[in-house]
Protein backbone atom coordinates (compact mmCIF):
# COMPACT_ATOMS: atom_id res chain seq x y z
CA MET A 1 -10.53 -24.92 -15.92
CA TYR A 2 -11.52 -23.71 -12.45
CA SER A 3 -14.55 -21.40 -12.78
CA LEU A 4 -13.26 -19.70 -15.93
CA SER A 5 -15.16 -20.12 -19.18
CA GLU A 6 -13.88 -20.85 -22.67
CA GLN A 7 -15.52 -17.60 -23.74
CA LEU A 8 -13.05 -15.66 -21.58
CA PHE A 9 -10.00 -17.18 -23.25
CA GLU A 10 -11.46 -16.84 -26.71
CA GLN A 11 -10.98 -13.09 -26.30
CA TYR A 12 -7.20 -13.52 -26.51
CA ALA A 13 -4.96 -14.50 -29.42
CA PHE A 14 -3.07 -17.20 -27.52
CA PRO A 15 -4.34 -20.69 -26.62
CA VAL A 16 -4.03 -21.66 -22.95
CA THR A 17 -2.77 -25.19 -22.29
CA GLU A 18 -2.67 -25.18 -18.47
CA ILE A 19 -3.94 -23.09 -15.56
CA GLN A 20 -2.57 -22.94 -12.01
CA LYS A 21 -3.88 -20.96 -9.04
CA GLY A 22 -1.47 -18.27 -7.87
CA ARG A 23 -1.60 -15.50 -5.25
CA GLY A 24 -4.96 -13.90 -6.03
CA ALA A 25 -4.58 -14.73 -9.71
CA TYR A 26 -4.31 -17.51 -12.30
CA ILE A 27 -1.00 -18.52 -13.89
CA CYS A 28 -1.77 -19.55 -17.45
CA THR A 29 0.62 -21.53 -19.62
CA THR A 30 0.45 -20.78 -23.34
CA GLU A 31 2.31 -22.34 -26.26
CA GLU A 32 5.05 -19.71 -25.94
CA ASN A 33 5.22 -18.61 -22.30
CA LYS A 34 3.25 -17.96 -19.12
CA VAL A 35 0.86 -15.10 -18.41
CA ILE A 36 -1.06 -13.88 -15.36
CA LEU A 37 -4.85 -13.67 -15.51
CA LYS A 38 -6.23 -11.52 -12.72
CA GLU A 39 -9.61 -10.15 -11.71
CA PHE A 40 -9.90 -6.38 -12.14
CA ASP A 41 -12.96 -4.85 -10.51
CA THR A 42 -12.90 -1.45 -12.17
CA SER A 43 -14.12 0.55 -15.15
CA GLU A 44 -12.71 0.35 -18.65
CA VAL A 45 -11.67 4.02 -18.39
CA ARG A 46 -9.62 3.36 -15.24
CA ALA A 47 -8.09 0.23 -16.75
CA GLU A 48 -7.10 2.07 -19.92
CA PHE A 49 -5.47 4.84 -17.89
CA ILE A 50 -3.45 2.33 -15.86
CA ALA A 51 -2.34 0.58 -19.05
CA ALA A 52 -1.31 3.95 -20.51
CA PHE A 53 0.88 5.00 -17.58
CA LEU A 54 2.46 1.55 -17.41
CA THR A 55 3.44 1.91 -21.07
CA GLU A 56 4.91 5.33 -20.27
CA ALA A 57 6.86 3.90 -17.34
CA ALA A 58 8.20 1.05 -19.49
CA ASP A 59 9.27 3.56 -22.16
CA GLN A 60 11.36 5.28 -19.48
CA GLY A 61 13.13 2.07 -18.56
CA ILE A 62 11.13 1.05 -15.50
CA LEU A 63 10.33 -2.66 -15.26
CA VAL A 64 6.56 -2.75 -14.72
CA ASP A 65 3.61 -4.91 -15.79
CA HIS A 66 3.09 -5.37 -19.53
CA ILE A 67 -0.64 -5.74 -20.11
CA ILE A 68 -1.75 -7.96 -22.99
CA ARG A 69 -4.83 -6.65 -24.76
CA THR A 70 -7.70 -8.73 -26.08
CA THR A 71 -8.12 -9.36 -29.80
CA GLY A 72 -10.63 -6.51 -29.68
CA GLY A 73 -7.94 -4.15 -28.38
CA THR A 74 -9.34 -3.70 -24.85
CA VAL A 75 -7.51 -4.01 -21.54
CA LEU A 76 -10.33 -5.88 -19.82
CA ALA A 77 -12.04 -9.10 -20.81
CA THR A 78 -15.43 -10.02 -19.36
CA ASP A 79 -16.38 -13.58 -18.45
CA VAL A 80 -19.89 -15.04 -18.74
CA ASP A 81 -20.63 -14.11 -15.12
CA GLU A 82 -19.70 -10.46 -15.87
CA THR A 83 -16.44 -10.69 -13.90
CA ARG A 84 -13.71 -8.55 -15.47
CA TYR A 85 -10.13 -9.76 -15.93
CA TYR A 86 -6.89 -8.52 -17.40
CA VAL A 87 -3.82 -10.42 -18.60
CA ARG A 88 -0.18 -9.46 -18.10
CA ASP A 89 3.19 -11.09 -18.63
CA TYR A 90 4.33 -13.56 -15.98
CA ILE A 91 7.60 -12.53 -14.29
CA GLU A 92 9.90 -15.33 -13.15
CA GLY A 93 11.52 -13.91 -10.04
CA ARG A 94 11.59 -13.81 -6.26
CA GLU A 95 9.76 -11.42 -4.00
CA CYS A 96 11.54 -8.70 -2.05
CA GLU A 97 12.87 -10.24 1.16
CA THR A 98 11.89 -8.13 4.17
CA LYS A 99 14.98 -9.20 6.14
CA ASN A 100 17.34 -8.34 3.27
CA ARG A 101 18.55 -4.74 3.60
CA ASP A 102 19.77 -4.58 0.01
CA ASP A 103 16.36 -5.74 -1.24
CA LEU A 104 14.58 -3.02 0.74
CA LEU A 105 16.88 -0.29 -0.55
CA ALA A 106 16.49 -1.52 -4.12
CA ALA A 107 12.71 -1.53 -3.67
CA VAL A 108 12.46 2.10 -2.50
CA THR A 109 14.90 3.21 -5.21
CA LEU A 110 12.62 1.62 -7.80
CA LEU A 111 9.61 3.30 -6.18
CA ALA A 112 11.26 6.73 -6.39
CA HIS A 113 12.17 6.13 -10.03
CA PHE A 114 8.54 5.27 -10.74
CA HIS A 115 7.29 8.40 -8.93
CA GLN A 116 9.81 10.66 -10.65
CA ALA A 117 8.95 9.36 -14.10
CA LEU A 118 5.17 9.64 -13.82
CA HIS A 119 4.01 13.05 -12.69
CA ALA A 120 0.59 13.02 -14.38
CA GLY A 121 -1.35 16.21 -15.04
CA ASN A 122 -4.85 16.76 -13.66
CA ALA A 123 -6.54 16.40 -17.02
CA LYS A 124 -5.15 12.91 -17.51
CA VAL A 125 -6.36 11.38 -14.26
CA PRO A 126 -9.83 9.77 -14.08
CA ASP A 127 -11.91 10.71 -11.06
CA GLY A 128 -11.80 7.08 -9.90
CA LEU A 129 -8.06 7.33 -9.26
CA ARG A 130 -7.98 10.71 -7.56
CA ILE A 131 -7.67 10.88 -3.77
CA ARG A 132 -8.95 14.14 -2.23
CA ARG A 133 -6.39 16.10 -0.22
CA GLN A 134 -8.60 15.83 2.92
CA THR A 135 -8.96 12.04 2.65
CA LEU A 136 -6.19 11.13 5.10
CA LEU A 137 -7.49 13.57 7.71
CA THR A 138 -11.00 12.15 7.33
CA GLU A 139 -9.56 8.63 7.67
CA TYR A 140 -7.67 9.46 10.89
CA GLU A 141 -10.72 11.13 12.42
CA LYS A 142 -12.76 8.03 11.60
CA HIS A 143 -10.11 5.78 13.18
CA ASN A 144 -10.15 7.92 16.33
CA ARG A 145 -13.92 7.54 16.64
CA GLU A 146 -13.59 3.79 16.14
CA LEU A 147 -11.01 3.55 18.93
CA LYS A 148 -13.40 5.34 21.27
CA LYS A 149 -16.20 3.00 20.24
CA VAL A 150 -14.06 -0.04 21.11
CA ARG A 151 -13.08 1.55 24.44
CA ASN A 152 -16.71 2.27 25.33
CA TYR A 153 -17.82 -1.22 24.34
CA ILE A 154 -15.18 -2.90 26.50
CA ARG A 155 -15.84 -0.57 29.43
CA GLY A 156 -19.48 -1.61 29.36
CA LYS A 157 -18.69 -5.32 29.68
CA LYS A 158 -19.04 -6.83 33.14
CA SER A 159 -16.48 -9.55 32.49
CA LYS A 160 -13.34 -8.71 30.52
CA ASN A 161 -10.87 -11.13 28.96
CA GLU A 162 -7.08 -10.73 28.77
CA PHE A 163 -7.14 -8.87 25.45
CA GLU A 164 -9.77 -6.39 26.65
CA MET A 165 -7.98 -5.60 29.90
CA LEU A 166 -4.72 -5.10 28.01
CA PHE A 167 -6.44 -2.80 25.51
CA LEU A 168 -8.02 -0.64 28.24
CA LYS A 169 -4.74 -0.40 30.15
CA ASN A 170 -3.00 1.06 27.08
CA TYR A 171 -5.88 2.92 25.43
CA ASP A 172 -5.20 6.41 26.82
CA LYS A 173 -1.58 6.38 25.66
CA PHE A 174 -2.31 5.27 22.08
CA ALA A 175 -5.55 7.22 21.67
CA GLY A 176 -3.80 10.37 22.88
CA LYS A 177 -1.12 9.93 20.23
CA ALA A 178 -3.75 9.32 17.58
CA GLU A 179 -5.50 12.60 18.47
CA HIS A 180 -2.19 14.49 18.54
CA VAL A 181 -1.15 13.22 15.10
CA THR A 182 -4.58 14.08 13.71
CA GLU A 183 -4.18 17.65 14.94
CA CYS A 184 -0.69 17.85 13.38
CA LEU A 185 -2.11 16.69 10.06
CA LYS A 186 -4.96 19.20 10.30
CA ARG A 187 -2.47 22.05 10.84
CA GLN A 188 -0.39 20.92 7.88
CA MET A 189 -3.42 20.70 5.62
CA GLU A 190 -4.36 24.27 6.57
CA THR A 191 -0.96 25.55 5.42
CA ILE A 192 -0.77 23.68 2.10
CA SER A 193 -2.52 25.19 -0.90
CA ASP A 194 -4.16 23.08 -3.60
CA GLU A 195 -1.39 24.05 -6.00
CA GLU A 196 1.33 23.01 -3.55
CA TRP A 197 -0.43 19.72 -2.82
CA GLU A 198 -0.45 18.98 -6.57
CA ARG A 199 3.34 19.49 -6.75
CA TYR A 200 3.83 16.65 -4.26
CA SER A 201 1.26 14.36 -5.88
CA GLY A 202 1.08 11.99 -8.80
CA ILE A 203 0.49 8.35 -9.67
CA CYS A 204 1.08 6.10 -6.64
CA HIS A 205 1.27 2.33 -6.75
CA GLY A 206 -1.38 2.18 -4.03
CA ASP A 207 -0.27 -1.17 -2.57
CA PHE A 208 3.51 -0.97 -2.49
CA ASN A 209 4.75 -3.94 -0.46
CA GLN A 210 7.28 -6.75 -0.62
CA HIS A 211 4.95 -9.00 -2.61
CA ASN A 212 4.77 -6.50 -5.47
CA VAL A 213 8.53 -6.10 -5.94
CA LEU A 214 10.10 -8.95 -7.91
CA PHE A 215 13.80 -9.59 -8.44
CA ALA A 216 14.33 -11.21 -11.84
CA LYS A 217 17.31 -11.86 -14.11
CA ASP A 218 16.74 -8.62 -16.03
CA GLY A 219 16.32 -6.41 -12.94
CA VAL A 220 13.80 -5.36 -10.29
CA HIS A 221 10.14 -5.33 -11.36
CA LEU A 222 7.22 -3.39 -9.88
CA THR A 223 3.96 -5.27 -10.36
CA ASN A 224 0.22 -5.42 -9.48
CA PHE A 225 -1.13 -1.92 -10.11
CA GLU A 226 -4.84 -2.60 -9.58
CA ASN A 227 -4.89 -0.23 -6.57
CA ALA A 228 -3.08 2.64 -8.29
CA VAL A 229 -4.25 6.10 -7.17
CA TYR A 230 -3.40 9.76 -7.64
CA ASP A 231 -2.22 10.97 -4.23
CA MET A 232 0.81 12.39 -2.43
CA TYR A 233 3.83 10.33 -3.45
CA ILE A 234 4.80 9.95 0.19
CA ARG A 235 1.80 7.64 0.60
CA ASP A 236 3.67 4.71 -0.99
CA LEU A 237 6.94 5.31 0.85
CA ALA A 238 5.25 5.78 4.25
CA ASN A 239 3.13 2.64 3.95
CA PHE A 240 6.15 0.54 2.96
CA MET A 241 8.41 1.99 5.65
CA ARG A 242 5.81 1.45 8.37
CA LYS A 243 5.46 -2.23 7.48
CA MET A 244 9.21 -2.72 7.30
CA MET A 245 9.86 -0.81 10.52
CA GLU A 246 7.39 -3.04 12.36
CA LYS A 247 9.36 -6.05 11.11
CA HIS A 248 12.71 -4.46 12.03
CA ASN A 249 11.69 -3.14 15.47
CA TRP A 250 11.73 0.47 14.24
CA ASN A 251 15.40 0.45 13.25
CA VAL A 252 16.42 4.08 12.76
CA GLY A 253 19.48 3.28 10.66
CA LEU A 254 17.43 1.27 8.19
CA ALA A 255 14.85 4.04 7.91
CA VAL A 256 17.54 6.66 7.20
CA ASP A 257 19.07 4.38 4.56
CA MET A 258 15.66 3.81 2.96
CA THR A 259 14.89 7.53 2.70
CA ALA A 260 18.40 8.16 1.36
CA ALA A 261 17.92 5.42 -1.25
CA TYR A 262 14.61 6.98 -2.29
CA GLU A 263 16.28 10.38 -2.60
CA THR A 264 18.87 9.07 -5.06
CA LYS A 265 16.03 9.25 -7.60
CA ARG A 266 13.64 11.83 -6.14
CA LYS A 267 14.39 14.41 -3.45
CA LEU A 268 11.89 14.84 -0.63
CA THR A 269 10.76 18.34 0.32
CA PRO A 270 10.28 19.57 3.92
CA VAL A 271 6.50 19.24 3.44
CA GLU A 272 6.92 15.62 2.36
CA TYR A 273 9.20 14.86 5.32
CA GLU A 274 6.53 16.27 7.62
CA GLN A 275 3.90 14.14 5.89
CA LEU A 276 6.14 11.06 6.26
CA TYR A 277 6.57 11.82 9.95
CA ILE A 278 2.82 12.25 10.44
CA ARG A 279 1.95 9.02 8.63
CA LEU A 280 4.52 7.01 10.58
CA SER A 281 3.46 8.63 13.86
CA TYR A 282 -0.16 7.55 13.72
CA PRO A 283 -0.61 4.35 15.86
CA GLU A 284 -1.94 2.45 12.84
CA LYS A 285 -1.25 -1.03 14.20
CA PHE A 286 -2.99 -0.37 17.51
CA TRP A 287 -6.08 0.88 15.64
CA LYS A 288 -5.99 -2.06 13.21
CA ILE A 289 -5.89 -4.64 16.02
CA ALA A 290 -8.71 -2.87 17.88
CA ASN A 291 -10.83 -2.59 14.76
CA HIS A 292 -10.32 -6.27 13.92
CA TYR A 293 -11.37 -7.21 17.46
CA TYR A 294 -14.53 -5.10 17.29
CA ASN A 295 -15.61 -6.49 13.91
CA SER A 296 -14.92 -10.15 14.75
CA ASN A 297 -16.33 -12.72 17.16
CA LYS A 298 -15.68 -11.00 20.52
CA SER A 299 -16.70 -14.05 22.53
CA TRP A 300 -13.51 -15.83 21.48
CA ILE A 301 -10.16 -14.05 21.44
CA SER A 302 -7.27 -15.97 19.89
CA ALA A 303 -3.85 -16.04 21.51
CA ARG A 304 -2.55 -14.57 18.25
CA ASN A 305 -4.54 -11.35 18.78
CA ILE A 306 -3.18 -11.00 22.29
CA GLU A 307 0.33 -11.64 20.97
CA LYS A 308 -0.10 -8.93 18.31
CA LEU A 309 -1.33 -6.40 20.85
CA ASN A 310 1.50 -7.20 23.23
CA ARG A 311 4.02 -6.76 20.42
CA VAL A 312 2.65 -3.32 19.52
CA ILE A 313 2.85 -2.26 23.17
CA GLU A 314 6.37 -3.65 23.58
CA GLN A 315 7.57 -1.89 20.43
CA GLU A 316 6.12 1.50 21.37
CA GLU A 317 9.18 2.77 23.21
CA GLN A 318 11.37 1.90 20.22
CA ARG A 319 8.83 3.45 17.88
CA GLU A 320 8.85 6.69 19.88
CA HIS A 321 12.66 6.76 19.76
CA PHE A 322 12.51 6.17 16.01
CA LEU A 323 10.07 9.06 15.54
CA ARG A 324 12.21 11.45 17.60
CA MET A 325 15.24 10.56 15.51
CA LEU A 326 13.28 10.92 12.27
CA PHE A 327 12.01 14.34 13.39
CA ASN A 328 15.58 15.50 14.10
CA PHE A 329 16.80 14.03 10.81
CA ARG A 330 14.18 15.87 8.74
CA LYS A 331 15.03 19.20 10.47
CA GLU A 332 18.69 18.96 9.37
């Protein structure tokens, strides 16, 4: 059965009759139903905490993963090669459709419900889940240095390909915005106390995207919590909105509807709106494309990379319009 051992399955009370490969996991058929077996590269303490807050969320009516414990009562099972796994119920449903407005609004409403229900206290959160309040600023500063490194590398080349010339032509504009956003974040961090930061923070999904929102017969499920962290709640909403805005050409109306849908369950404060604005303002896609280029085979540039860079450049005017509108909206 793939590379999985019998010893792994012996740690559970149910016999497995069939195994199929799924998205980053195994779909196991048992005598009664199907379950998901998934690798979980973490500590037992972190796994137990995640299982505990999922139980709390389920008790409050949120449809989340139900983890099945081993016969020994643990969340994680270890295979013969020391790889750790966990098992959860299999959900028969469809993923959130990125082109379906109703799906997107339902997804952010579910996210807000999850955030509202799970404001964990400091004492409950293992160190492995906690994100330091300066982490985002450190990340942006690192990205800015990486952009300069790519710029300097390309400048030093005698012969430049289409991608490299396009990058240099647009570098000053995007790098300038990256530096400006970093300064805005730095100023905000200087005005927020540790106590205030805690009020806006709690358990975040950590990888909230369309693949982890499932529409089933009994409702909308939130799944795959391996990347859960303790951070500002706005982290999840900003990451999801950025991805959806890129797919919807930075549609202002959709963004306003998404924030309004979120606020039906959990109201955003002025500080959180500013944080949302900052996170959406950083030219994340431009950095990501540049970083991928630098860390890959630079002697061969695919047409796909050029296409991605062109799309980011073409969308920038619409993105700037979106950010101006969002800034005005959050001031009202």
